[in-house]
Each structure stands twice: as structure tokens, then as C-alpha cells.
Amino acid sequence: MKTISLREETYNHLIALKENNESFSDLIDDLLKTKRNDFRKYFGALKGNKVLDEISEFSKISRQQARQRR
């Protein structure tokens, strides 16, 4: 067992993430496991980007064409 120091703000963030029956060690273990696989950090990355608008328009046209082929 080790003792660590946290800023008050960091501690409050951890409390907000922690489930009632979960220890801080369990929470930190889970956060470390998912850190490299957390795709949420990429959500919104293309917002306002011209490429996203082009993809959206292409998707819309493709759906319209698919409906017309039926």
C-alpha cells in the first residue's frame, strides 16, 4: 500500500466518477485500463471541419440513390 497526494480538484473528479461500492484503487485501475482505448476523446474532433460536411453530404446522397434503386 502506498500513499499519494492529489490536488483537491483531482480528488473531486475522482469522487464524481467513483461508484458507491467501488474503491479508489478499483476506479484508478479501470481508468488506467481504458485510457488507451477511450474513443470518447475523439468525439467532436471533426466538428466544423469541411471533411465532416463532405462525408455527411456524400452519405445523404448515397441514401437517396439507394432509395431510388428500390
C-alpha atoms as a PDB file:
ATOM      1  CA  MET A   1       0.000   0.000   0.000  1.00  0.00           C
ATOM      2  CA  LYS A   2       1.222   3.487  -0.936  1.00  0.00           C
ATOM      3  CA  THR A   3       0.025   6.957  -0.044  1.00  0.00           C
ATOM      4  CA  ILE A   4      -0.342   9.561  -2.787  1.00  0.00           C
ATOM      5  CA  SER A   5      -1.248  13.236  -2.745  1.00  0.00           C
ATOM      6  CA  LEU A   6      -3.882  14.697  -5.050  1.00  0.00           C
ATOM      7  CA  ARG A   7      -4.989  18.218  -5.764  1.00  0.00           C
ATOM      8  CA  GLU A   8      -8.444  18.930  -4.336  1.00  0.00           C
ATOM      9  CA  GLU A   9      -9.870  19.345  -7.836  1.00  0.00           C
ATOM     10  CA  THR A  10      -8.494  15.958  -8.933  1.00  0.00           C
ATOM     11  CA  TYR A  11      -9.892  14.292  -5.819  1.00  0.00           C
ATOM     12  CA  ASN A  12     -13.327  15.782  -6.540  1.00  0.00           C
ATOM     13  CA  HIS A  13     -13.201  14.489 -10.126  1.00  0.00           C
ATOM     14  CA  LEU A  14     -12.405  11.002  -8.835  1.00  0.00           C
ATOM     15  CA  ILE A  15     -15.244  11.125  -6.321  1.00  0.00           C
ATOM     16  CA  ALA A  16     -17.644  12.077  -9.124  1.00  0.00           C
ATOM     17  CA  LEU A  17     -16.512   9.080 -11.202  1.00  0.00           C
ATOM     18  CA  LYS A  18     -16.454   6.567  -8.348  1.00  0.00           C
ATOM     19  CA  GLU A  19     -19.381   4.213  -7.808  1.00  0.00           C
ATOM     20  CA  ASN A  20     -20.673   3.823  -4.249  1.00  0.00           C
ATOM     21  CA  ASN A  21     -19.300   0.317  -3.820  1.00  0.00           C
ATOM     22  CA  GLU A  22     -16.030   0.988  -5.670  1.00  0.00           C
ATOM     23  CA  SER A  23     -12.690   1.744  -4.046  1.00  0.00           C
ATOM     24  CA  PHE A  24     -10.403   4.457  -5.339  1.00  0.00           C
ATOM     25  CA  SER A  25      -7.896   1.755  -6.297  1.00  0.00           C
ATOM     26  CA  ASP A  26     -10.537  -0.041  -8.385  1.00  0.00           C
ATOM     27  CA  LEU A  27     -11.549   3.227 -10.055  1.00  0.00           C
ATOM     28  CA  ILE A  28      -7.955   4.146 -10.905  1.00  0.00           C
ATOM     29  CA  ASP A  29      -7.282   0.617 -12.215  1.00  0.00           C
ATOM     30  CA  ASP A  30     -10.321   0.900 -14.506  1.00  0.00           C
ATOM     31  CA  LEU A  31      -9.270   4.350 -15.702  1.00  0.00           C
ATOM     32  CA  LEU A  32      -5.780   3.126 -16.489  1.00  0.00           C
ATOM     33  CA  LYS A  33      -7.109   0.119 -18.411  1.00  0.00           C
ATOM     34  CA  THR A  34      -9.384   2.232 -20.596  1.00  0.00           C
ATOM     35  CA  LYS A  35      -7.084   5.228 -21.042  1.00  0.00           C
ATOM     36  CA  ARG A  36      -5.603   3.964 -24.279  1.00  0.00           C
ATOM     37  CA  ASN A  37      -8.909   2.627 -25.626  1.00  0.00           C
ATOM     38  CA  ASP A  38     -11.180   5.543 -24.802  1.00  0.00           C
ATOM     39  CA  PHE A  39     -12.601   6.760 -28.094  1.00  0.00           C
ATOM     40  CA  ARG A  40     -14.717   9.424 -26.395  1.00  0.00           C
ATOM     41  CA  LYS A  41     -11.781  11.813 -26.536  1.00  0.00           C
ATOM     42  CA  TYR A  42     -12.140  11.853 -30.328  1.00  0.00           C
ATOM     43  CA  PHE A  43     -15.875  12.655 -30.406  1.00  0.00           C
ATOM     44  CA  GLY A  44     -16.382  16.066 -31.930  1.00  0.00           C
ATOM     45  CA  ALA A  45     -12.866  16.186 -33.358  1.00  0.00           C
ATOM     46  CA  LEU A  46     -14.179  16.935 -36.843  1.00  0.00           C
ATOM     47  CA  LYS A  47     -16.930  19.327 -35.769  1.00  0.00           C
ATOM     48  CA  GLY A  48     -16.927  22.325 -38.054  1.00  0.00           C
ATOM     49  CA  ASN A  49     -14.466  20.604 -40.370  1.00  0.00           C
ATOM     50  CA  LYS A  50     -15.095  20.711 -44.121  1.00  0.00           C
ATOM     51  CA  VAL A  51     -14.310  16.981 -44.386  1.00  0.00           C
ATOM     52  CA  LEU A  52     -17.138  16.123 -42.000  1.00  0.00           C
ATOM     53  CA  ASP A  53     -19.547  18.209 -44.066  1.00  0.00           C
ATOM     54  CA  GLU A  54     -18.423  16.397 -47.236  1.00  0.00           C
ATOM     55  CA  ILE A  55     -18.855  12.979 -45.610  1.00  0.00           C
ATOM     56  CA  SER A  56     -22.308  13.960 -44.391  1.00  0.00           C
ATOM     57  CA  GLU A  57     -23.346  15.168 -47.847  1.00  0.00           C
ATOM     58  CA  PHE A  58     -21.963  12.032 -49.513  1.00  0.00           C
ATOM     59  CA  SER A  59     -23.879   9.869 -47.048  1.00  0.00           C
ATOM     60  CA  LYS A  60     -27.098  11.780 -47.714  1.00  0.00           C
ATOM     61  CA  ILE A  61     -26.731  11.414 -51.494  1.00  0.00           C
ATOM     62  CA  SER A  62     -25.886   7.712 -51.178  1.00  0.00           C
ATOM     63  CA  ARG A  63     -29.027   7.067 -49.118  1.00  0.00           C
ATOM     64  CA  GLN A  64     -31.169   8.948 -51.637  1.00  0.00           C
ATOM     65  CA  GLN A  65     -29.710   6.957 -54.527  1.00  0.00           C
ATOM     66  CA  ALA A  66     -30.269   3.686 -52.672  1.00  0.00           C
ATOM     67  CA  ARG A  67     -33.951   4.574 -52.139  1.00  0.00           C
ATOM     68  CA  GLN A  68     -34.361   5.382 -55.815  1.00  0.00           C
ATOM     69  CA  ARG A  69     -33.000   1.979 -56.852  1.00  0.00           C
ATOM     70  CA  ARG A  70     -35.745   0.122 -54.993  1.00  0.00           C
END
